[in-house]
Amino acid sequence: MFERLVDERERGQVGIGTLIVFIAMVLVAAIAAGVLINTAGVLQTQASDTGSETQEAVANQIEVTHAAGQVSGDVVDQVDLTLMKSAGSNAIDLEAMTVQYTSSSTDATLTYEDGTTDGDHFDTEELAGVTDGTSLTTTEDRVKLMLNTAALEGGGGSETTGQATLDLVSDGSEVDTATIDTQPTSGGDLVFSVGSNSGSFDSETITIYDSTDSSIGTIDGSASETEVTVDSGDFSDGEQLTAEVTDGNGDTVTVDYASNGAGLESGSSATVSLVDQSGAKFTYGISVPSTFGNKQVVEV
């Protein structure tokens, strides 16, 4: 009635060994699936963070709408940048911002300090829209950022100015001298020129001496010279200098002197990088005109 099958090729696997192999395969598959899921989650998180950081860095941009330099002598001793925030960016905290200033002679990182501009700090001032000058919240806000380029380029930014009066006897046989005190941190070369009230200056010779009585500059009227620049390296801050004049006409000669100050010289350039609290960076190139003319303010 029943047919018995004896074909050994159609046998099934049974026993504990087969069960162990099956369980091991299931465990390996589960571990592999867990690793794949975990890796996918990490990659997704990294991609999301990168996207957010990129979006924030692109959106949180500071823009410079105008840049002006304050002229002092033959240098720009202060640079004022007018700032705004780009459309779509978050509020920008200028107190948390850093400024990287780089020129051919200086590389400095500046932080905000209220009321102070020097070689380590910048200051801000409200122009439009804002009330405190330390943040940009809308695209209509305008803030002026002030950089002390005199301090950044060397020197404290203060100036030595004054006038020396030299009186001579009528026969011109005597030499008159006047003392000139240079202020500490005068910050630049000293320019000596014949005063406008000296009358005819054609035979006088004015010599500038340092504290060791070494000549560091001469104005020779007979050679139609009217001024001389004494390099800052030829005297020390606070050193007492002497002006000496000889003359054959018995004139009274005045010598005006002033430090031309430190700062960005005509034709020079610098780079300013503004980095806000999110790490977004905006770079602006300062370019000083080759000539100033009679201007007190120039566009840079």
Protein backbone atom coordinates (compact mmCIF):
# COMPACT_ATOMS: atom_id res chain seq x y z
CA MET A 1 0.00 0.00 0.00
CA PHE A 2 2.80 2.45 0.82
CA GLU A 3 5.93 2.86 -1.22
CA ARG A 4 9.13 3.31 0.74
CA LEU A 5 11.60 5.90 -0.54
CA VAL A 6 15.20 4.99 0.00
CA ASP A 7 16.91 7.63 -2.20
CA GLU A 8 19.67 9.00 0.07
CA ARG A 9 20.07 12.13 -2.11
CA GLU A 10 16.80 13.52 -0.81
CA ARG A 11 17.63 13.45 2.89
CA GLY A 12 17.20 16.59 5.13
CA GLN A 13 19.84 17.85 7.61
CA VAL A 14 18.90 17.48 11.24
CA GLY A 15 20.69 17.72 14.53
CA ILE A 16 22.37 20.23 16.87
CA GLY A 17 25.18 21.06 14.44
CA THR A 18 22.79 22.33 11.82
CA LEU A 19 20.97 24.43 14.41
CA ILE A 20 24.23 26.04 15.59
CA VAL A 21 25.21 26.95 12.05
CA PHE A 22 21.79 28.46 11.42
CA ILE A 23 21.90 30.53 14.62
CA ALA A 24 25.40 31.75 13.79
CA MET A 25 24.26 32.89 10.35
CA VAL A 26 21.36 34.80 11.89
CA LEU A 27 23.66 36.49 14.43
CA VAL A 28 26.19 37.51 11.77
CA ALA A 29 23.41 38.96 9.65
CA ALA A 30 22.01 40.87 12.64
CA ILE A 31 25.43 42.30 13.55
CA ALA A 32 26.08 43.35 9.97
CA ALA A 33 22.69 45.01 9.79
CA GLY A 34 23.38 46.86 13.05
CA VAL A 35 26.73 48.11 11.79
CA LEU A 36 25.18 49.32 8.55
CA ILE A 37 22.35 51.08 10.36
CA ASN A 38 24.75 52.73 12.82
CA THR A 39 27.10 53.86 10.04
CA ALA A 40 24.21 55.26 8.06
CA GLY A 41 23.06 57.20 11.13
CA VAL A 42 26.52 58.66 11.74
CA LEU A 43 26.88 59.68 8.10
CA GLN A 44 23.43 61.25 8.13
CA THR A 45 24.28 63.25 11.27
CA GLN A 46 27.59 64.42 9.81
CA ALA A 47 25.93 65.42 6.56
CA SER A 48 23.25 67.33 8.44
CA ASP A 49 25.82 69.15 10.61
CA THR A 50 27.98 69.99 7.61
CA GLY A 51 24.97 71.32 5.75
CA SER A 52 23.93 73.47 8.70
CA GLU A 53 27.46 74.81 9.22
CA THR A 54 27.84 75.57 5.52
CA GLN A 55 24.48 77.30 5.39
CA GLU A 56 25.32 79.34 8.49
CA ALA A 57 28.77 80.27 7.19
CA VAL A 58 27.34 81.39 3.86
CA ALA A 59 24.40 83.24 5.38
CA ASN A 60 26.16 84.90 8.34
CA GLN A 61 28.16 87.33 6.27
CA ILE A 62 29.41 90.79 7.15
CA GLU A 63 29.73 93.19 4.27
CA VAL A 64 31.83 96.34 4.01
CA THR A 65 29.83 99.01 2.20
CA HIS A 66 32.37 101.83 2.52
CA ALA A 67 35.94 102.37 3.71
CA ALA A 68 37.63 105.69 4.48
CA GLY A 69 41.09 106.60 5.71
CA GLN A 70 41.92 109.54 7.99
CA VAL A 71 44.97 111.36 6.61
CA SER A 72 47.68 112.65 8.94
CA GLY A 73 50.68 114.13 7.18
CA ASP A 74 51.66 111.63 4.53
CA VAL A 75 50.07 108.55 6.10
CA VAL A 76 46.61 107.15 6.87
CA ASP A 77 46.53 106.79 10.64
CA GLN A 78 42.96 105.46 10.97
CA VAL A 79 40.71 103.36 8.76
CA ASP A 80 36.92 103.41 9.20
CA LEU A 81 34.88 100.54 7.74
CA THR A 82 31.10 100.82 7.37
CA LEU A 83 29.54 97.40 8.05
CA MET A 84 26.20 95.76 7.32
CA LYS A 85 24.95 92.20 7.50
CA SER A 86 24.03 90.28 4.40
CA ALA A 87 20.44 89.35 3.61
CA GLY A 88 19.28 86.15 5.30
CA SER A 89 22.01 86.06 7.92
CA ASN A 90 21.45 85.85 11.65
CA ALA A 91 22.19 88.72 14.02
CA ILE A 92 25.93 89.43 14.20
CA ASP A 93 27.52 90.20 17.55
CA LEU A 94 30.39 92.60 16.86
CA GLU A 95 31.69 92.27 20.42
CA ALA A 96 32.39 88.60 19.69
CA MET A 97 33.99 89.33 16.33
CA THR A 98 37.73 89.25 15.69
CA VAL A 99 39.64 91.27 13.11
CA GLN A 100 42.75 89.94 11.41
CA TYR A 101 44.89 92.81 10.10
CA THR A 102 47.74 92.02 7.71
CA SER A 103 50.08 94.38 5.87
CA SER A 104 53.62 94.20 4.56
CA SER A 105 54.96 94.95 8.05
CA THR A 106 52.22 93.91 10.48
CA ASP A 107 50.12 90.85 11.27
CA ALA A 108 47.76 91.34 14.21
CA THR A 109 44.53 89.88 15.60
CA LEU A 110 42.24 92.46 17.17
CA THR A 111 39.31 92.09 19.56
CA TYR A 112 36.57 94.52 20.51
CA GLU A 113 37.02 96.99 23.36
CA ASP A 114 34.63 99.86 23.94
CA GLY A 115 36.29 103.25 23.47
CA THR A 116 39.72 101.83 22.62
CA THR A 117 41.55 101.55 19.31
CA ASP A 118 45.15 100.39 19.43
CA GLY A 119 47.38 97.59 18.21
CA ASP A 120 45.20 94.97 19.94
CA HIS A 121 41.67 96.36 19.84
CA PHE A 122 39.08 97.87 17.52
CA ASP A 123 36.05 99.97 18.39
CA THR A 124 32.64 100.44 16.79
CA GLU A 125 30.15 103.29 16.46
CA GLU A 126 26.49 103.20 15.45
CA LEU A 127 25.59 104.91 12.20
CA ALA A 128 22.03 103.87 11.33
CA GLY A 129 19.37 101.49 12.60
CA VAL A 130 21.17 100.29 15.73
CA THR A 131 21.40 101.95 19.13
CA ASP A 132 24.60 100.55 20.65
CA GLY A 133 26.91 99.92 17.71
CA THR A 134 27.82 96.41 18.87
CA SER A 135 25.44 94.29 16.79
CA LEU A 136 23.91 94.00 13.35
CA THR A 137 20.36 92.67 13.46
CA THR A 138 18.77 93.88 10.21
CA THR A 139 20.06 94.67 6.75
CA GLU A 140 19.29 98.35 7.40
CA ASP A 141 21.75 98.53 10.32
CA ARG A 142 25.04 100.30 9.70
CA VAL A 143 28.01 100.31 12.08
CA LYS A 144 31.40 101.98 11.73
CA LEU A 145 34.39 99.84 12.70
CA MET A 146 37.51 101.86 13.56
CA LEU A 147 41.08 100.60 13.14
CA ASN A 148 44.05 102.53 14.51
CA THR A 149 46.53 101.97 11.69
CA ALA A 150 49.04 104.31 13.36
CA ALA A 151 49.28 101.91 16.30
CA LEU A 152 49.12 98.84 14.07
CA GLU A 153 51.90 100.02 11.79
CA GLY A 154 54.12 101.14 14.66
CA GLY A 155 54.07 103.97 17.18
CA GLY A 156 51.47 104.96 19.69
CA GLY A 157 49.71 107.40 17.41
CA SER A 158 50.48 110.55 19.42
CA GLU A 159 52.25 113.39 17.63
CA THR A 160 55.11 115.71 18.40
CA THR A 161 54.36 119.25 17.21
CA GLY A 162 55.76 122.65 18.02
CA GLN A 163 57.84 125.62 16.94
CA ALA A 164 61.37 126.68 17.79
CA THR A 165 62.36 130.36 17.55
CA LEU A 166 66.00 131.15 16.78
CA ASP A 167 67.24 134.74 17.19
CA LEU A 168 70.53 135.94 15.71
CA VAL A 169 72.62 139.04 16.30
CA SER A 170 72.77 141.50 13.45
CA ASP A 171 76.29 140.72 12.38
CA GLY A 172 75.59 136.99 12.17
CA SER A 173 78.62 136.14 14.26
CA GLU A 174 76.74 134.06 16.81
CA VAL A 175 74.87 130.79 16.62
CA ASP A 176 71.49 130.42 18.30
CA THR A 177 69.98 127.13 19.46
CA ALA A 178 66.56 125.95 20.57
CA THR A 179 65.57 122.77 22.37
CA ILE A 180 62.99 120.38 20.95
CA ASP A 181 61.44 117.75 23.20
CA THR A 182 60.05 114.76 21.35
CA GLN A 183 57.09 113.19 23.07
CA PRO A 184 57.20 109.51 24.00
CA THR A 185 55.75 107.26 21.30
CA SER A 186 55.74 110.07 18.75
CA GLY A 187 55.28 107.23 16.30
CA GLY A 188 57.10 108.45 13.23
CA ASP A 189 59.67 110.60 11.51
CA LEU A 190 60.05 114.27 12.46
CA VAL A 191 59.62 116.90 9.77
CA PHE A 192 61.40 120.22 10.36
CA SER A 193 60.42 123.16 8.16
CA VAL A 194 61.14 126.88 8.05
CA GLY A 195 58.26 128.81 9.62
CA SER A 196 56.11 131.05 7.46
CA ASN A 197 57.04 134.09 9.58
CA SER A 198 60.78 133.69 8.97
CA GLY A 199 60.82 136.17 6.09
CA SER A 200 63.50 135.64 3.50
CA PHE A 201 65.27 132.34 4.07
CA ASP A 202 68.19 132.26 1.69
CA SER A 203 71.45 132.13 3.60
CA GLU A 204 70.58 130.45 6.88
CA THR A 205 71.65 126.93 7.71
CA ILE A 206 69.61 125.03 10.29
CA THR A 207 71.12 121.88 11.75
CA ILE A 208 69.27 119.35 13.93
CA TYR A 209 71.32 117.56 16.57
CA ASP A 210 70.45 114.59 18.75
CA SER A 211 71.25 114.34 22.47
CA THR A 212 74.83 113.29 21.69
CA ASP A 213 75.39 116.43 19.55
CA SER A 214 75.46 114.39 16.37
CA SER A 215 73.94 116.04 13.31
CA ILE A 216 70.85 114.18 12.12
CA GLY A 217 69.42 116.70 9.63
CA THR A 218 70.18 120.00 7.89
CA ILE A 219 68.15 122.68 6.10
CA ASP A 220 70.34 124.73 3.78
CA GLY A 221 68.64 127.94 2.68
CA SER A 222 71.36 128.70 0.16
CA ALA A 223 70.41 125.47 -1.60
CA SER A 224 66.72 126.47 -1.61
CA GLU A 225 65.89 123.82 0.98
CA THR A 226 62.98 124.63 3.27
CA GLU A 227 62.52 121.41 5.22
CA VAL A 228 64.20 118.21 6.30
CA THR A 229 62.79 114.90 7.50
CA VAL A 230 64.62 113.18 10.35
CA ASP A 231 64.07 109.44 10.29
CA SER A 232 62.56 107.95 13.45
CA GLY A 233 65.51 105.57 13.62
CA ASP A 234 67.86 108.52 14.20
CA PHE A 235 66.38 109.46 17.58
CA SER A 236 64.59 107.82 20.48
CA ASP A 237 61.08 108.52 21.73
CA GLY A 238 61.34 111.27 24.32
CA GLU A 239 64.88 112.26 23.31
CA GLN A 240 65.76 115.94 23.51
CA LEU A 241 66.86 117.35 20.17
CA THR A 242 68.48 120.71 19.38
CA ALA A 243 68.02 123.03 16.41
CA GLU A 244 70.95 125.28 15.60
CA VAL A 245 70.96 128.09 13.05
CA THR A 246 73.66 130.29 11.51
CA ASP A 247 72.90 133.41 9.53
CA GLY A 248 74.56 136.47 8.05
CA ASN A 249 71.55 138.78 7.96
CA GLY A 250 70.49 138.94 11.59
CA ASP A 251 67.08 137.38 10.90
CA THR A 252 64.79 135.68 13.36
CA VAL A 253 64.05 132.20 12.07
CA THR A 254 61.30 129.89 13.26
CA VAL A 255 61.39 126.15 12.80
CA ASP A 256 58.10 124.27 12.76
CA TYR A 257 58.33 120.59 13.58
CA ALA A 258 55.84 117.75 13.63
CA SER A 259 55.95 113.99 13.48
CA ASN A 260 54.40 112.71 10.31
CA GLY A 261 53.19 109.79 12.38
CA ALA A 262 52.98 106.09 11.73
CA GLY A 263 50.31 104.54 9.58
CA LEU A 264 49.67 103.26 6.09
CA GLU A 265 51.83 105.19 3.66
CA SER A 266 50.60 106.38 0.28
CA GLY A 267 50.40 103.56 -2.24
CA SER A 268 50.47 100.85 0.44
CA SER A 269 47.86 98.16 1.10
CA ALA A 270 46.56 95.88 3.84
CA THR A 271 44.04 93.08 4.27
CA VAL A 272 41.32 93.03 6.92
CA SER A 273 39.50 89.76 7.68
CA LEU A 274 36.34 89.99 9.81
CA VAL A 275 35.41 86.74 11.57
CA ASP A 276 32.03 86.66 13.35
CA GLN A 277 30.78 84.41 16.15
CA SER A 278 29.80 81.62 13.72
CA GLY A 279 33.24 81.49 12.14
CA ALA A 280 32.10 83.13 8.90
CA LYS A 281 34.83 85.31 7.43
CA PHE A 282 34.67 88.36 5.20
CA THR A 283 37.91 89.76 3.77
CA TYR A 284 38.38 93.33 2.62
CA GLY A 285 41.42 94.76 0.88
CA ILE A 286 42.58 98.25 1.90
CA SER A 287 44.33 100.18 -0.84
CA VAL A 288 45.78 103.60 0.02
CA PRO A 289 45.90 106.17 -2.83
CA SER A 290 49.33 107.07 -4.15
CA THR A 291 48.70 110.77 -3.46
CA PHE A 292 46.52 112.59 -0.92
CA GLY A 293 46.58 116.15 -2.23
CA ASN A 294 44.96 118.38 0.37
CA LYS A 295 42.43 115.76 1.45
CA GLN A 296 41.89 114.94 5.09
CA VAL A 297 39.86 111.83 4.27
CA VAL A 298 40.46 109.42 1.39
CA GLU A 299 38.60 106.38 0.17
CA VAL A 300 40.51 103.18 0.78
